[in-house]
Amino acid sequence: QIYLGGNEAGTRLNRLFKDAVKGEDLPNALRPVLARFVQERAGSERFGDFCSRVVWKELGQIMAQPAQTTQP
């Protein structure tokens, strides 16, 4: 399991980002979010703050969308 988004003060805990990731798949699972962090971070923003601001917001929007159904 990969948890992201906590902070050093412990006022924001990590949240589950991906479940059941094999060790050999870990770099590929993290590479996209780390690349975005490098490109999109705000000033000296920390990684946990970036995840809270960007990653969780986007995942929340995806989860809020109705499931798409396919017609046979």
N, C-alpha and C. Protein backbone atom coordinates (compact mmCIF):
# COMPACT_ATOMS: atom_id res chain seq x y z
N GLN A 1 0.84 -1.18 0.00
CA GLN A 1 0.00 0.00 0.00
C GLN A 1 0.88 1.24 0.00
N ILE A 2 0.41 2.27 -0.70
CA ILE A 2 1.14 3.54 -0.75
C ILE A 2 0.24 4.60 -0.12
N TYR A 3 0.75 5.24 0.92
CA TYR A 3 0.05 6.33 1.59
C TYR A 3 0.81 7.62 1.33
N LEU A 4 0.08 8.68 1.00
CA LEU A 4 0.68 9.98 0.72
C LEU A 4 -0.11 11.09 1.40
N GLY A 5 0.55 12.22 1.62
CA GLY A 5 -0.16 13.43 1.99
C GLY A 5 -0.08 13.88 3.43
N GLY A 6 0.65 13.18 4.28
CA GLY A 6 0.75 13.60 5.67
C GLY A 6 1.70 14.78 5.83
N ASN A 7 1.78 15.27 7.06
CA ASN A 7 2.73 16.34 7.33
C ASN A 7 3.53 16.02 8.59
N GLU A 8 4.64 16.71 8.77
CA GLU A 8 5.53 16.44 9.89
C GLU A 8 4.88 16.70 11.25
N ALA A 9 4.01 17.67 11.32
CA ALA A 9 3.37 18.02 12.60
C ALA A 9 2.34 16.99 13.02
N GLY A 10 1.93 16.13 12.10
CA GLY A 10 0.91 15.13 12.42
C GLY A 10 -0.49 15.70 12.44
N THR A 11 -0.68 16.89 11.92
CA THR A 11 -2.02 17.48 11.89
C THR A 11 -2.78 17.05 10.64
N ARG A 12 -2.07 16.43 9.69
CA ARG A 12 -2.71 15.86 8.51
C ARG A 12 -2.08 14.49 8.29
N LEU A 13 -2.91 13.46 8.32
CA LEU A 13 -2.40 12.11 8.18
C LEU A 13 -2.32 11.71 6.72
N ASN A 14 -1.49 10.71 6.47
CA ASN A 14 -1.40 10.13 5.13
C ASN A 14 -2.73 9.49 4.77
N ARG A 15 -2.99 9.42 3.48
CA ARG A 15 -4.19 8.74 2.98
C ARG A 15 -3.75 7.71 1.94
N LEU A 16 -4.56 6.68 1.80
CA LEU A 16 -4.24 5.62 0.85
C LEU A 16 -4.28 6.16 -0.57
N PHE A 17 -3.19 6.00 -1.28
CA PHE A 17 -3.08 6.43 -2.67
C PHE A 17 -3.30 5.24 -3.60
N LYS A 18 -2.61 4.14 -3.33
CA LYS A 18 -2.77 2.92 -4.13
C LYS A 18 -2.69 1.72 -3.21
N ASP A 19 -3.50 0.74 -3.52
CA ASP A 19 -3.57 -0.47 -2.72
C ASP A 19 -2.91 -1.63 -3.47
N ALA A 20 -2.34 -2.54 -2.74
CA ALA A 20 -1.78 -3.78 -3.28
C ALA A 20 -0.76 -3.53 -4.39
N VAL A 21 0.25 -2.73 -4.11
CA VAL A 21 1.32 -2.45 -5.07
C VAL A 21 2.50 -3.36 -4.73
N LYS A 22 2.95 -4.12 -5.70
CA LYS A 22 4.11 -4.98 -5.50
C LYS A 22 5.37 -4.12 -5.43
N GLY A 23 6.36 -4.60 -4.73
CA GLY A 23 7.60 -3.85 -4.56
C GLY A 23 8.23 -3.44 -5.87
N GLU A 24 8.22 -4.34 -6.84
CA GLU A 24 8.84 -4.02 -8.13
C GLU A 24 8.03 -2.99 -8.92
N ASP A 25 6.74 -2.80 -8.56
CA ASP A 25 5.89 -1.82 -9.24
C ASP A 25 5.89 -0.44 -8.55
N LEU A 26 6.54 -0.35 -7.42
CA LEU A 26 6.54 0.89 -6.65
C LEU A 26 7.09 2.09 -7.43
N PRO A 27 8.24 1.98 -8.09
CA PRO A 27 8.73 3.15 -8.84
C PRO A 27 7.74 3.63 -9.90
N ASN A 28 7.13 2.71 -10.63
CA ASN A 28 6.17 3.11 -11.66
C ASN A 28 4.90 3.70 -11.08
N ALA A 29 4.53 3.29 -9.88
CA ALA A 29 3.34 3.83 -9.23
C ALA A 29 3.58 5.26 -8.75
N LEU A 30 4.80 5.54 -8.31
CA LEU A 30 5.12 6.86 -7.76
C LEU A 30 5.65 7.86 -8.78
N ARG A 31 6.24 7.38 -9.85
CA ARG A 31 6.88 8.26 -10.83
C ARG A 31 5.96 9.38 -11.33
N PRO A 32 4.70 9.10 -11.73
CA PRO A 32 3.86 10.18 -12.25
C PRO A 32 3.57 11.27 -11.21
N VAL A 33 3.29 10.89 -9.98
CA VAL A 33 2.96 11.90 -8.97
C VAL A 33 4.21 12.68 -8.56
N LEU A 34 5.36 12.03 -8.54
CA LEU A 34 6.59 12.75 -8.22
C LEU A 34 6.98 13.70 -9.35
N ALA A 35 6.76 13.29 -10.58
CA ALA A 35 7.04 14.18 -11.72
C ALA A 35 6.14 15.40 -11.68
N ARG A 36 4.88 15.20 -11.36
CA ARG A 36 3.96 16.33 -11.24
C ARG A 36 4.38 17.26 -10.11
N PHE A 37 4.82 16.69 -9.00
CA PHE A 37 5.28 17.49 -7.88
C PHE A 37 6.42 18.41 -8.30
N VAL A 38 7.38 17.86 -9.03
CA VAL A 38 8.52 18.66 -9.50
C VAL A 38 8.04 19.81 -10.39
N GLN A 39 7.08 19.54 -11.27
CA GLN A 39 6.60 20.53 -12.23
C GLN A 39 5.61 21.53 -11.64
N GLU A 40 4.76 21.09 -10.69
CA GLU A 40 3.61 21.90 -10.27
C GLU A 40 3.65 22.39 -8.84
N ARG A 41 4.69 22.11 -8.11
CA ARG A 41 4.71 22.53 -6.71
C ARG A 41 4.71 24.05 -6.62
N ALA A 42 4.13 24.56 -5.57
CA ALA A 42 4.03 26.00 -5.35
C ALA A 42 5.20 26.45 -4.46
N GLY A 43 6.16 27.11 -5.05
CA GLY A 43 7.31 27.62 -4.29
C GLY A 43 8.06 26.52 -3.59
N SER A 44 8.16 26.60 -2.27
CA SER A 44 8.87 25.60 -1.47
C SER A 44 7.89 24.60 -0.85
N GLU A 45 6.77 24.40 -1.50
CA GLU A 45 5.73 23.48 -1.01
C GLU A 45 6.31 22.08 -0.78
N ARG A 46 5.94 21.48 0.33
CA ARG A 46 6.38 20.12 0.64
C ARG A 46 5.51 19.11 -0.08
N PHE A 47 6.01 17.89 -0.23
CA PHE A 47 5.31 16.86 -0.99
C PHE A 47 3.94 16.54 -0.39
N GLY A 48 3.85 16.43 0.93
CA GLY A 48 2.56 16.15 1.56
C GLY A 48 1.55 17.25 1.32
N ASP A 49 2.01 18.49 1.33
CA ASP A 49 1.12 19.62 1.07
C ASP A 49 0.66 19.60 -0.39
N PHE A 50 1.56 19.25 -1.29
CA PHE A 50 1.20 19.12 -2.70
C PHE A 50 0.14 18.04 -2.88
N CYS A 51 0.33 16.90 -2.25
CA CYS A 51 -0.65 15.82 -2.36
C CYS A 51 -2.01 16.27 -1.83
N SER A 52 -2.01 16.97 -0.73
CA SER A 52 -3.26 17.45 -0.16
C SER A 52 -3.94 18.45 -1.09
N ARG A 53 -3.17 19.33 -1.67
CA ARG A 53 -3.72 20.38 -2.54
C ARG A 53 -4.14 19.86 -3.91
N VAL A 54 -3.36 18.95 -4.49
CA VAL A 54 -3.59 18.54 -5.88
C VAL A 54 -4.13 17.12 -5.99
N VAL A 55 -3.39 16.16 -5.47
CA VAL A 55 -3.72 14.75 -5.68
C VAL A 55 -5.06 14.40 -5.07
N TRP A 56 -5.29 14.74 -3.81
CA TRP A 56 -6.55 14.36 -3.16
C TRP A 56 -7.73 15.10 -3.76
N LYS A 57 -7.51 16.33 -4.18
CA LYS A 57 -8.59 17.08 -4.82
C LYS A 57 -8.99 16.40 -6.13
N GLU A 58 -8.02 16.02 -6.94
CA GLU A 58 -8.31 15.37 -8.21
C GLU A 58 -8.94 14.00 -8.01
N LEU A 59 -8.41 13.21 -7.08
CA LEU A 59 -9.00 11.90 -6.83
C LEU A 59 -10.42 12.03 -6.29
N GLY A 60 -10.67 13.04 -5.49
CA GLY A 60 -12.03 13.28 -4.98
C GLY A 60 -12.98 13.60 -6.11
N GLN A 61 -12.53 14.38 -7.08
CA GLN A 61 -13.38 14.71 -8.23
C GLN A 61 -13.66 13.48 -9.08
N ILE A 62 -12.65 12.63 -9.25
CA ILE A 62 -12.84 11.41 -10.02
C ILE A 62 -13.83 10.49 -9.32
N MET A 63 -13.71 10.37 -8.00
CA MET A 63 -14.59 9.48 -7.24
C MET A 63 -16.02 10.01 -7.22
N ALA A 64 -16.19 11.32 -7.35
CA ALA A 64 -17.53 11.92 -7.30
C ALA A 64 -18.27 11.79 -8.63
N GLN A 65 -17.56 11.46 -9.69
CA GLN A 65 -18.21 11.33 -10.99
C GLN A 65 -19.04 10.04 -11.02
N PRO A 66 -20.20 10.09 -11.64
CA PRO A 66 -21.00 8.86 -11.75
C PRO A 66 -20.27 7.82 -12.59
N ALA A 67 -20.49 6.57 -12.25
CA ALA A 67 -19.85 5.48 -12.99
C ALA A 67 -20.40 5.44 -14.40
N GLN A 68 -19.52 5.23 -15.35
CA GLN A 68 -19.96 5.14 -16.74
C GLN A 68 -20.38 3.70 -17.03
N THR A 69 -21.48 3.58 -17.71
CA THR A 69 -21.94 2.26 -18.08
C THR A 69 -21.80 2.09 -19.58
N THR A 70 -21.60 0.88 -19.97
CA THR A 70 -21.49 0.61 -21.40
C THR A 70 -22.74 -0.13 -21.86
N GLN A 71 -23.17 0.21 -23.03
CA GLN A 71 -24.36 -0.43 -23.59
C GLN A 71 -23.93 -1.67 -24.36
N PRO A 72 -24.67 -2.79 -24.21
CA PRO A 72 -24.31 -4.01 -24.94
C PRO A 72 -24.57 -3.87 -26.43
